[in-house]
Protein backbone atom coordinates (compact mmCIF):
# COMPACT_ATOMS: atom_id res chain seq x y z
CA MET A 1 45.46 -91.95 5.93
CA LYS A 2 43.09 -94.46 5.95
CA ARG A 3 44.68 -97.62 7.21
CA LEU A 4 45.54 -100.90 4.96
CA ASN A 5 44.31 -103.86 6.95
CA SER A 6 44.80 -106.40 4.15
CA VAL A 7 45.82 -106.82 1.30
CA LYS A 8 42.38 -105.98 -0.78
CA ASP A 9 42.41 -102.80 0.63
CA PHE A 10 46.05 -102.51 -0.73
CA ALA A 11 44.51 -102.43 -3.74
CA GLU A 12 41.65 -100.72 -3.38
CA TYR A 13 44.36 -97.69 -2.48
CA VAL A 14 46.77 -98.11 -5.50
CA ILE A 15 43.32 -98.00 -7.96
CA LYS A 16 42.13 -94.93 -7.23
CA SER A 17 45.78 -93.69 -6.73
CA SER A 18 46.51 -94.66 -9.82
CA ALA A 19 43.57 -93.51 -11.28
CA SER A 20 43.33 -90.11 -9.73
CA GLU A 21 46.85 -89.42 -10.96
CA SER A 22 45.66 -90.68 -14.84
CA VAL A 23 42.93 -88.18 -14.94
CA VAL A 24 45.07 -85.49 -13.63
CA ALA A 25 47.45 -86.62 -16.56
CA SER A 26 45.05 -87.22 -19.08
CA LYS A 27 43.27 -82.93 -18.38
CA TYR A 28 47.22 -81.73 -18.56
CA VAL A 29 47.54 -83.70 -22.02
CA VAL A 30 44.34 -81.88 -23.44
CA HIS A 31 44.95 -78.66 -22.34
CA LYS A 32 48.44 -78.99 -24.00
CA VAL A 33 47.12 -80.23 -27.10
CA SER A 34 44.68 -77.55 -26.81
CA GLN A 35 47.71 -75.27 -26.98
CA ALA A 36 49.22 -76.28 -29.32
CA SER A 37 46.06 -76.52 -31.98
CA ILE A 38 44.74 -72.56 -31.22
CA PHE A 39 48.56 -71.78 -31.52
CA MET A 40 48.67 -73.87 -34.47
CA GLN A 41 45.46 -72.36 -36.05
CA SER A 42 46.70 -69.26 -36.26
CA THR A 43 48.61 -68.21 -39.34
CA LYS A 44 51.28 -66.66 -36.81
CA GLY A 45 51.64 -69.59 -35.35
CA ARG A 46 52.48 -71.84 -38.60
CA ASP A 47 54.85 -68.80 -40.00
CA LYS A 48 57.21 -69.31 -36.57
CA THR A 49 56.87 -73.21 -36.57
CA CYS A 50 58.62 -73.06 -40.24
CA CYS A 51 61.04 -70.07 -38.75
CA LEU A 52 62.10 -72.34 -36.47
CA ILE A 53 63.19 -75.06 -38.81
CA GLN A 54 65.02 -72.67 -40.98
CA TYR A 55 67.19 -71.11 -38.06
CA LEU A 56 68.14 -74.64 -36.61
CA ALA A 57 68.99 -75.16 -40.22
CA ASP A 58 71.06 -72.03 -40.71
CA LEU A 59 72.74 -73.09 -37.62
CA TYR A 60 73.51 -76.41 -38.40
CA GLU A 61 74.85 -75.45 -41.64
CA ALA A 62 77.03 -72.16 -40.53
CA CYS A 63 78.22 -74.46 -37.74
CA ILE A 64 79.29 -76.95 -40.65
CA LYS A 65 81.14 -74.03 -42.25
CA TYR A 66 82.66 -72.47 -39.73
CA SER A 67 83.73 -75.13 -37.75
CA ASN A 68 87.55 -75.27 -36.51
CA ILE A 69 87.39 -79.22 -36.43
CA PRO A 70 90.20 -80.64 -39.18
CA LEU A 71 87.62 -83.27 -39.75
CA ILE A 72 84.92 -81.67 -40.72
CA LYS A 73 85.94 -78.38 -41.93
CA ASP A 74 88.10 -80.15 -44.57
CA ASN A 75 85.08 -82.32 -45.43
CA ALA A 76 81.94 -79.41 -44.99
CA ILE A 77 81.79 -78.34 -48.91
CA ASP A 78 81.01 -81.76 -49.98
CA MET A 79 79.52 -83.10 -46.30
CA ILE A 80 75.52 -84.40 -47.42
CA SER A 81 74.10 -82.88 -44.12
CA ARG A 82 74.87 -79.31 -44.49
CA LYS A 83 73.61 -79.17 -48.34
CA ARG A 84 70.52 -80.74 -46.32
CA ALA A 85 70.31 -78.30 -43.95
CA GLN A 86 71.02 -75.60 -46.72
CA LYS A 87 67.57 -76.81 -48.66
CA ILE A 88 66.00 -77.08 -45.74
CA LYS A 89 66.79 -73.41 -44.80
CA GLU A 90 65.31 -72.02 -48.70
CA SER A 91 62.48 -74.11 -48.91
CA MET A 92 61.43 -72.66 -45.46
CA LYS A 93 62.98 -69.03 -45.94
CA TYR A 94 60.60 -68.59 -49.44
CA GLY A 95 57.57 -71.00 -48.10
CA ARG A 96 56.37 -68.34 -45.24
CA LYS A 97 56.48 -66.17 -47.94
CA ILE A 98 52.88 -67.08 -47.85
CA PHE A 99 51.93 -66.51 -44.92
CA LYS A 100 52.70 -62.67 -45.53
CA PHE A 101 50.88 -62.55 -49.01
CA LEU A 102 48.89 -59.81 -49.30
CA LYS A 103 50.05 -58.67 -45.21
CA PHE A 104 50.16 -55.05 -46.40
CA PHE A 105 46.95 -54.04 -46.40
CA ASP A 106 46.78 -54.74 -42.41
CA SER A 107 49.38 -51.99 -42.55
CA ILE A 108 46.41 -50.06 -44.69
CA HIS A 109 43.83 -51.06 -42.53
CA ALA A 110 46.21 -50.36 -39.27
CA LEU A 111 46.33 -46.88 -40.14
CA THR A 112 42.39 -46.08 -40.96
CA LEU A 113 42.01 -47.11 -37.46
CA LEU A 114 44.53 -44.43 -35.94
CA LYS A 115 42.13 -41.90 -35.93
CA GLN A 116 39.62 -43.34 -33.83
CA LYS A 117 42.65 -43.78 -30.87
CA LYS A 118 42.46 -41.44 -28.04
CA ARG A 119 46.20 -41.09 -27.74
CA PRO A 120 48.91 -37.80 -27.84
CA ILE A 121 50.17 -36.78 -31.61
CA LEU A 122 53.64 -37.62 -30.93
CA TYR A 123 52.48 -41.03 -29.98
CA LEU A 124 49.76 -41.87 -32.64
CA CYS A 125 52.52 -40.27 -35.21
CA LEU A 126 55.13 -42.61 -33.72
CA ILE A 127 52.51 -45.63 -34.81
CA GLY A 128 51.87 -44.35 -38.24
CA ILE A 129 55.67 -44.05 -39.19
CA MET A 130 55.54 -47.81 -38.21
CA HIS A 131 52.60 -48.54 -40.08
CA ILE A 132 53.95 -46.74 -43.19
CA CYS A 133 57.69 -48.63 -42.94
CA ASN A 134 55.57 -52.16 -42.31
CA PHE A 135 53.84 -51.39 -45.80
CA PHE A 136 56.60 -50.57 -47.62
CA TYR A 137 58.67 -53.38 -45.67
CA TYR A 138 55.67 -55.48 -47.34
CA ILE A 139 55.76 -54.19 -50.53
CA MET A 140 59.44 -55.28 -50.58
CA ASP A 141 59.41 -58.61 -49.84
CA HIS A 142 57.03 -58.98 -52.29
CA LEU A 143 59.05 -57.71 -54.99
CA ILE A 144 61.86 -60.07 -53.60
CA TRP A 145 59.62 -63.22 -53.92
CA GLY A 146 58.38 -62.20 -57.56
CA ILE A 147 62.03 -62.64 -58.84
CA ASN A 148 62.71 -65.38 -56.84
CA ILE A 149 60.08 -67.22 -58.71
CA GLY A 150 60.40 -65.64 -61.73
CA VAL A 151 57.92 -63.73 -62.50
CA LEU A 152 59.23 -59.81 -62.28
CA ASN A 153 62.28 -61.37 -64.16
CA GLU A 154 61.25 -58.90 -67.44
CA ILE A 155 59.95 -55.92 -65.61
CA ILE A 156 62.63 -56.19 -62.98
CA GLN A 157 66.33 -57.27 -63.28
CA ARG A 158 68.16 -59.64 -60.85
CA ASN A 159 71.33 -57.89 -59.95
CA THR A 160 68.53 -54.80 -58.81
CA LYS A 161 67.23 -57.67 -55.85
CA SER A 162 70.42 -56.38 -53.47
CA LYS A 163 69.25 -53.19 -53.17
CA ILE A 164 65.97 -54.26 -53.37
CA LYS A 165 66.59 -56.13 -50.17
CA GLY A 166 68.84 -53.29 -48.46
CA ILE A 167 65.77 -51.12 -48.34
CA LYS A 168 63.64 -53.54 -47.01
CA ASP A 169 66.00 -54.56 -44.08
CA SER A 170 66.00 -50.26 -44.29
CA PHE A 171 62.37 -50.45 -43.48
CA SER A 172 62.50 -52.76 -41.20
CA LEU A 173 65.57 -51.01 -39.15
CA VAL A 174 63.32 -47.74 -38.16
CA LYS A 175 60.10 -50.21 -37.89
CA THR A 176 62.21 -52.81 -34.97
CA SER A 177 63.95 -49.29 -33.45
CA LEU A 178 60.32 -47.02 -33.41
CA LYS A 179 58.79 -49.98 -31.46
CA LEU A 180 61.55 -50.12 -29.11
CA ILE A 181 60.88 -46.99 -28.42
CA LYS A 182 57.20 -47.16 -28.03
CA ALA A 183 57.45 -50.47 -25.86
CA PHE A 184 59.85 -48.53 -23.56
CA PHE A 185 56.88 -45.66 -23.20
CA ASP A 186 54.58 -48.15 -23.08
CA TYR A 187 56.39 -50.30 -20.16
CA ARG A 188 56.01 -46.59 -17.96
CA LEU A 189 52.63 -46.28 -18.91
CA ILE A 190 51.81 -49.18 -17.80
CA PHE A 191 53.76 -49.40 -14.40
CA LYS A 192 52.37 -45.76 -13.92
CA LYS A 193 48.49 -47.14 -13.95
CA GLU A 194 49.93 -50.06 -11.72
CA GLN A 195 50.81 -47.66 -8.87
CA LEU A 196 47.31 -46.12 -9.36
CA LEU A 197 45.56 -49.32 -9.30
CA ILE A 198 47.37 -50.98 -5.97
CA LEU A 199 46.18 -46.96 -4.22
CA GLU A 200 42.88 -47.54 -5.01
CA ILE A 201 43.29 -51.08 -4.03
CA SER A 202 44.67 -49.70 -0.94
CA SER A 203 42.10 -47.77 -0.46
CA LEU A 204 39.67 -50.10 0.55
CA PRO A 205 38.02 -51.39 3.92
CA ASP A 206 39.25 -54.54 5.42
CA LYS A 207 36.91 -56.85 5.03
CA GLN A 208 36.35 -60.04 3.21
CA ILE A 209 37.14 -59.94 -0.40
CA LYS A 210 33.59 -61.53 -2.35
CA ASP A 211 33.64 -63.19 -5.77
CA GLU A 212 31.39 -59.89 -6.78
CA SER A 213 33.59 -57.48 -5.16
CA ILE A 214 35.42 -54.53 -7.13
CA ALA A 215 38.42 -55.53 -4.91
CA LEU A 216 39.24 -58.64 -6.87
CA GLN A 217 38.51 -57.19 -10.11
CA SER A 218 41.05 -54.91 -9.43
CA ALA A 219 43.60 -57.07 -8.26
CA GLN A 220 42.71 -59.81 -11.22
CA SER A 221 43.56 -56.70 -13.62
CA LEU A 222 46.51 -55.91 -11.37
CA ILE A 223 47.90 -59.24 -12.49
CA LEU A 224 46.99 -59.04 -16.10
CA SER A 225 48.53 -55.97 -16.15
CA ARG A 226 52.10 -57.24 -14.84
CA SER A 227 51.36 -60.14 -16.94
CA LYS A 228 51.83 -57.51 -19.50
CA ARG A 229 54.38 -55.60 -18.74
CA ARG A 230 56.92 -58.82 -18.35
CA ASN A 231 55.82 -59.07 -22.17
CA LYS A 232 56.94 -56.11 -22.85
CA GLN A 233 60.38 -56.32 -21.43
CA ILE A 234 60.66 -59.06 -23.31
CA ASN A 235 59.04 -56.97 -27.37
CA PHE A 236 62.20 -54.62 -25.46
CA LEU A 237 64.72 -57.45 -25.67
CA ILE A 238 63.18 -59.19 -29.39
CA SER A 239 63.82 -55.72 -30.58
CA ILE A 240 67.24 -55.34 -29.50
CA ILE A 241 68.35 -58.62 -30.93
CA ARG A 242 66.63 -58.18 -34.09
CA ILE A 243 67.94 -54.46 -34.51
CA LEU A 244 71.50 -56.10 -34.22
CA MET A 245 71.06 -58.62 -36.73
CA LEU A 246 69.39 -56.68 -39.31
CA LEU A 247 72.28 -53.92 -38.71
CA ARG A 248 74.95 -57.00 -39.24
CA ARG A 249 72.63 -57.38 -43.17
CA LEU A 250 72.70 -53.84 -44.27
CA LYS A 251 76.70 -54.07 -42.76
CA VAL A 252 76.55 -50.82 -40.36
CA PHE A 253 78.80 -50.07 -37.92
CA LYS A 254 80.56 -53.48 -39.11
CA MET A 255 78.00 -55.59 -37.72
CA ASP A 256 79.14 -57.71 -40.45
CA THR A 257 82.84 -58.58 -39.07
CA TYR A 258 81.62 -58.75 -34.82
CA MET A 259 78.63 -60.91 -35.39
CA SER A 260 79.26 -64.12 -36.53
CA ARG A 261 76.91 -66.37 -39.06
CA ILE A 262 76.54 -68.74 -35.62
CA THR A 263 76.42 -65.85 -33.89
CA TYR A 264 73.75 -64.59 -36.20
CA ALA A 265 71.67 -67.81 -36.50
CA VAL A 266 71.66 -68.19 -32.91
CA SER A 267 70.58 -64.61 -32.52
CA GLY A 268 67.15 -65.62 -34.84
CA LEU A 269 66.65 -68.39 -33.30
CA ILE A 270 66.45 -66.94 -29.66
CA ILE A 271 63.64 -64.29 -31.12
CA THR A 272 61.64 -67.14 -32.38
CA ILE A 273 61.87 -69.09 -29.58
CA LEU A 274 60.47 -66.00 -27.10
CA ASN A 275 58.16 -65.15 -29.80
CA ILE A 276 56.75 -68.57 -29.51
CA GLY A 277 56.88 -68.51 -25.95
CA GLN A 278 54.73 -66.04 -26.58
CA GLN A 279 51.99 -67.45 -28.97
CA LEU A 280 51.74 -70.57 -26.82
CA ASN A 281 51.17 -67.62 -24.04
CA GLN A 282 48.25 -65.95 -25.61
CA SER A 283 46.51 -69.44 -26.44
CA ASN A 284 47.12 -70.84 -23.11
CA ASN A 285 44.75 -66.99 -21.61
CA LEU A 286 42.43 -67.94 -24.58
CA ILE A 287 42.07 -71.56 -23.64
CA LEU A 288 41.19 -70.06 -19.71
CA GLN A 289 39.07 -67.14 -20.92
CA LYS A 290 37.20 -70.06 -22.22
CA SER A 291 37.05 -72.40 -19.25
CA ASP A 292 35.79 -69.45 -16.91
CA LYS A 293 32.43 -68.06 -16.18
CA LYS A 294 31.52 -64.86 -17.48
CA PRO A 295 32.01 -62.64 -14.63
CA SER A 296 29.06 -60.22 -13.59
CA LYS A 297 27.97 -56.68 -12.76
CA LEU A 298 29.96 -54.75 -10.06
CA PRO A 299 27.84 -54.53 -7.06
CA ARG A 300 27.22 -50.54 -6.60
CA SER A 301 27.58 -50.36 -2.99
CA SER A 302 27.40 -46.61 -1.48
CA SER A 303 29.35 -48.18 2.18
CA VAL A 304 32.73 -48.73 0.01
CA ASN A 305 35.32 -45.58 0.26
CA PHE A 306 36.07 -46.43 -3.36
CA SER A 307 36.31 -43.87 -6.76
CA LEU A 308 34.99 -46.81 -9.53
CA ASN A 309 35.09 -43.98 -12.33
CA LYS A 310 38.81 -43.41 -11.85
CA LEU A 311 39.24 -47.47 -11.88
CA LYS A 312 37.92 -48.17 -14.61
CA HIS A 313 39.21 -44.96 -16.22
CA ILE A 314 42.80 -46.28 -15.26
CA LYS A 315 41.71 -49.96 -16.74
CA SER A 316 40.28 -48.95 -19.78
CA ASP A 317 44.02 -47.00 -20.23
CA LEU A 318 45.96 -50.28 -19.80
CA GLU A 319 43.36 -52.65 -22.28
CA ASN A 320 44.41 -49.82 -24.54
CA VAL A 321 47.98 -50.14 -23.98
CA LEU A 322 47.60 -53.65 -23.72
CA LEU A 323 46.20 -54.67 -26.68
CA GLU A 324 48.34 -52.24 -28.81
CA ASP A 325 50.36 -54.52 -30.78
CA SER A 326 51.77 -54.60 -34.29
CA ASP A 327 52.89 -57.15 -36.48
CA GLN A 328 56.57 -57.54 -37.41
CA GLY A 329 58.13 -58.38 -40.44
CA ASP A 330 61.16 -60.86 -39.99
CA ASP A 331 63.10 -63.08 -41.87
């Protein structure tokens, strides 16, 4: 540390330290603003933001409606804040429908791409059934939306709305259950590939790792796969919570009696926060990828006892699993 011999030295030290701190703070703010900007540019990001507001309003309304406090309980029906929360919840719920408009075309496109994937037949059948359920989910969701805005009133009676909603939730339940099974198998596959990567890395000779070495890129692939594996764990938790919510809406196994409205709203809030966290993490990865330089080609050295073809096969299998994420419909 530099010795401060005078007031001038002290002033220069303060100015330099504050300037460096302001630069770090400005970079942090710019990074977070870019992260939020990328998140809000996507349709899914805006949808999740509206979903967060929806479940916050739903939780507030449920807490007032089912409160045990005598003063709130007596005035719950006439409370202005509760009515406002209910209007916010309904407006967000119906406003989010625009983000899902004609979304069933994505399921059709995903089904056409299934034949290009080199995966086991049972695994492809599982993904195909998920996309089919997703397709009918969005069809039913569009029918309910048309009934609510009065476009399909002459074709479909309003008393059939509850039946269509039950069919929609049934397709969502089947799709989410299959996604839970898929997440389990993906997790196992990623874990096995990680073990193979670890064995390949451990077989490398003990030498200095350079920027263009195979060992460095293998280690980066291992770190990325571990991050994605943790992401699969979060998806596993999200699927379990969503299944419980759908069972309550369908009134299966008496879940409507076991799960209260407050618990339902809290569950939806947890799912939304986890989804937003995942989307922000993806935005952060996108920013880091843009800031990094393009990696150069791997050197081919015969002195290194390393099976390059085997490593490429492991990494390609990992990428196939990490990129397979189907959309989920959520209310």
